[in-house]
Amino acid sequence: MSKTYPELKIEMARLAAEAERVRAYELPTVIAEVNLQIERYQLTEAMIFGNARMRRPGRAKTVMVPKFVDQATGNTWTGRGTRPGWLIEALSAGTLAEHLLVS
């Protein structure tokens, strides 16, 4: 007769615990063997793992062109994200957004 689901779950947990015990027991030997080979062949981290920058090139950053500018202070805003304080103050003071547009 086949095992029930709860019985299989218990067996899986037991096997996972046993596998972890065996791994922990074998790990020092494996590490020693790896270290021996690294020393023997004078391997470097880059030789083993490669150059991370070459494997995963970063995304090119997009340079955002300012859309609004405060001529008095030189503050700019691209129009993306939260409005900066200087723009909020200027609009509250009655300045029209059109007057702050970069020409």
C-alpha atoms as a PDB file:
ATOM      1  CA  MET A   1       0.000   0.000   0.000  1.00  0.00           C
ATOM      2  CA  SER A   2       1.274   3.498  -0.810  1.00  0.00           C
ATOM      3  CA  LYS A   3       1.988   6.064   1.864  1.00  0.00           C
ATOM      4  CA  THR A   4      -0.393   8.853   2.740  1.00  0.00           C
ATOM      5  CA  TYR A   5       0.399  12.500   2.160  1.00  0.00           C
ATOM      6  CA  PRO A   6       1.137  13.185   5.862  1.00  0.00           C
ATOM      7  CA  GLU A   7       3.427  10.140   5.993  1.00  0.00           C
ATOM      8  CA  LEU A   8       5.289  11.345   2.905  1.00  0.00           C
ATOM      9  CA  LYS A   9       5.681  14.847   4.396  1.00  0.00           C
ATOM     10  CA  ILE A  10       7.205  13.327   7.560  1.00  0.00           C
ATOM     11  CA  GLU A  11       9.553  11.190   5.477  1.00  0.00           C
ATOM     12  CA  MET A  12      10.570  14.232   3.385  1.00  0.00           C
ATOM     13  CA  ALA A  13      11.372  16.196   6.546  1.00  0.00           C
ATOM     14  CA  ARG A  14      13.412  13.290   7.907  1.00  0.00           C
ATOM     15  CA  LEU A  15      15.320  12.922   4.630  1.00  0.00           C
ATOM     16  CA  ALA A  16      15.963  16.683   4.431  1.00  0.00           C
ATOM     17  CA  ALA A  17      17.378  16.650   7.976  1.00  0.00           C
ATOM     18  CA  GLU A  18      19.536  13.623   7.161  1.00  0.00           C
ATOM     19  CA  ALA A  19      20.799  15.281   3.951  1.00  0.00           C
ATOM     20  CA  GLU A  20      21.758  18.409   5.904  1.00  0.00           C
ATOM     21  CA  ARG A  21      23.633  16.320   8.508  1.00  0.00           C
ATOM     22  CA  VAL A  22      25.583  14.528   5.744  1.00  0.00           C
ATOM     23  CA  ARG A  23      26.308  17.851   4.023  1.00  0.00           C
ATOM     24  CA  ALA A  24      27.608  19.368   7.264  1.00  0.00           C
ATOM     25  CA  TYR A  25      29.791  16.283   7.824  1.00  0.00           C
ATOM     26  CA  GLU A  26      31.242  16.326   4.264  1.00  0.00           C
ATOM     27  CA  LEU A  27      31.601  20.101   3.946  1.00  0.00           C
ATOM     28  CA  PRO A  28      35.003  20.506   5.676  1.00  0.00           C
ATOM     29  CA  THR A  29      36.530  17.837   3.413  1.00  0.00           C
ATOM     30  CA  VAL A  30      35.093  19.423   0.290  1.00  0.00           C
ATOM     31  CA  ILE A  31      36.347  22.887   1.324  1.00  0.00           C
ATOM     32  CA  ALA A  32      39.814  21.493   1.996  1.00  0.00           C
ATOM     33  CA  GLU A  33      39.881  19.838  -1.446  1.00  0.00           C
ATOM     34  CA  VAL A  34      38.780  23.049  -3.146  1.00  0.00           C
ATOM     35  CA  ASN A  35      41.381  25.091  -1.254  1.00  0.00           C
ATOM     36  CA  LEU A  36      44.076  22.581  -2.235  1.00  0.00           C
ATOM     37  CA  GLN A  37      43.163  22.923  -5.928  1.00  0.00           C
ATOM     38  CA  ILE A  38      43.054  26.726  -5.662  1.00  0.00           C
ATOM     39  CA  GLU A  39      46.529  26.722  -4.158  1.00  0.00           C
ATOM     40  CA  ARG A  40      47.872  24.103  -6.570  1.00  0.00           C
ATOM     41  CA  TYR A  41      46.701  25.975  -9.678  1.00  0.00           C
ATOM     42  CA  GLN A  42      47.116  29.473  -8.191  1.00  0.00           C
ATOM     43  CA  LEU A  43      43.548  30.316  -9.032  1.00  0.00           C
ATOM     44  CA  THR A  44      42.134  33.775  -8.402  1.00  0.00           C
ATOM     45  CA  GLU A  45      38.588  34.776  -7.596  1.00  0.00           C
ATOM     46  CA  ALA A  46      38.244  36.336 -11.043  1.00  0.00           C
ATOM     47  CA  MET A  47      39.415  33.092 -12.670  1.00  0.00           C
ATOM     48  CA  ILE A  48      36.828  31.079 -10.790  1.00  0.00           C
ATOM     49  CA  PHE A  49      33.851  33.427 -10.821  1.00  0.00           C
ATOM     50  CA  GLY A  50      34.719  35.626 -13.807  1.00  0.00           C
ATOM     51  CA  ASN A  51      34.500  39.361 -13.984  1.00  0.00           C
ATOM     52  CA  ALA A  52      31.091  40.272 -12.595  1.00  0.00           C
ATOM     53  CA  ARG A  53      30.987  43.493 -14.614  1.00  0.00           C
ATOM     54  CA  MET A  54      31.506  41.617 -17.855  1.00  0.00           C
ATOM     55  CA  ARG A  55      28.860  39.022 -17.021  1.00  0.00           C
ATOM     56  CA  ARG A  56      26.186  41.455 -15.916  1.00  0.00           C
ATOM     57  CA  PRO A  57      26.566  44.808 -17.553  1.00  0.00           C
ATOM     58  CA  GLY A  58      24.670  47.541 -15.796  1.00  0.00           C
ATOM     59  CA  ARG A  59      21.844  49.309 -17.423  1.00  0.00           C
ATOM     60  CA  ALA A  60      22.862  52.558 -19.067  1.00  0.00           C
ATOM     61  CA  LYS A  61      21.555  55.513 -17.125  1.00  0.00           C
ATOM     62  CA  THR A  62      19.277  57.830 -18.991  1.00  0.00           C
ATOM     63  CA  VAL A  63      20.182  61.473 -18.617  1.00  0.00           C
ATOM     64  CA  MET A  64      17.025  63.426 -18.038  1.00  0.00           C
ATOM     65  CA  VAL A  65      16.783  66.907 -19.518  1.00  0.00           C
ATOM     66  CA  PRO A  66      15.361  69.505 -17.125  1.00  0.00           C
ATOM     67  CA  LYS A  67      11.876  70.671 -18.012  1.00  0.00           C
ATOM     68  CA  PHE A  68      11.528  73.422 -15.404  1.00  0.00           C
ATOM     69  CA  VAL A  69      14.140  75.888 -14.161  1.00  0.00           C
ATOM     70  CA  ASP A  70      14.223  78.608 -11.520  1.00  0.00           C
ATOM     71  CA  GLN A  71      16.284  81.325 -13.208  1.00  0.00           C
ATOM     72  CA  ALA A  72      17.067  83.025  -9.883  1.00  0.00           C
ATOM     73  CA  THR A  73      18.612  79.978  -8.173  1.00  0.00           C
ATOM     74  CA  GLY A  74      19.391  77.639 -11.056  1.00  0.00           C
ATOM     75  CA  ASN A  75      17.278  74.847  -9.541  1.00  0.00           C
ATOM     76  CA  THR A  76      15.870  72.451 -12.123  1.00  0.00           C
ATOM     77  CA  TRP A  77      13.291  69.696 -12.299  1.00  0.00           C
ATOM     78  CA  THR A  78      12.779  67.133 -15.055  1.00  0.00           C
ATOM     79  CA  GLY A  79       9.049  66.887 -14.523  1.00  0.00           C
ATOM     80  CA  ARG A  80       9.350  63.350 -13.155  1.00  0.00           C
ATOM     81  CA  GLY A  81       8.849  62.327  -9.570  1.00  0.00           C
ATOM     82  CA  THR A  82       7.699  64.486  -6.682  1.00  0.00           C
ATOM     83  CA  ARG A  83       7.661  68.216  -7.286  1.00  0.00           C
ATOM     84  CA  PRO A  84      10.580  69.892  -5.546  1.00  0.00           C
ATOM     85  CA  GLY A  85      10.006  72.433  -2.806  1.00  0.00           C
ATOM     86  CA  TRP A  86      11.232  75.382  -4.863  1.00  0.00           C
ATOM     87  CA  LEU A  87       8.643  74.659  -7.568  1.00  0.00           C
ATOM     88  CA  ILE A  88       5.817  74.245  -5.072  1.00  0.00           C
ATOM     89  CA  GLU A  89       6.778  77.558  -3.441  1.00  0.00           C
ATOM     90  CA  ALA A  90       6.980  79.331  -6.795  1.00  0.00           C
ATOM     91  CA  LEU A  91       3.576  78.053  -7.860  1.00  0.00           C
ATOM     92  CA  SER A  92       2.087  78.974  -4.471  1.00  0.00           C
ATOM     93  CA  ALA A  93       3.497  82.488  -4.877  1.00  0.00           C
ATOM     94  CA  GLY A  94       1.556  82.849  -8.112  1.00  0.00           C
ATOM     95  CA  THR A  95       4.248  82.065 -10.678  1.00  0.00           C
ATOM     96  CA  LEU A  96       2.831  80.259 -13.682  1.00  0.00           C
ATOM     97  CA  ALA A  97       4.388  76.893 -14.536  1.00  0.00           C
ATOM     98  CA  GLU A  98       4.756  78.085 -18.136  1.00  0.00           C
ATOM     99  CA  HIS A  99       7.143  80.808 -16.952  1.00  0.00           C
ATOM    100  CA  LEU A 100       9.428  78.167 -15.404  1.00  0.00           C
ATOM    101  CA  LEU A 101       9.646  75.986 -18.507  1.00  0.00           C
ATOM    102  CA  VAL A 102      13.126  75.591 -19.969  1.00  0.00           C
ATOM    103  CA  SER A 103      13.256  77.357 -23.322  1.00  0.00           C
END
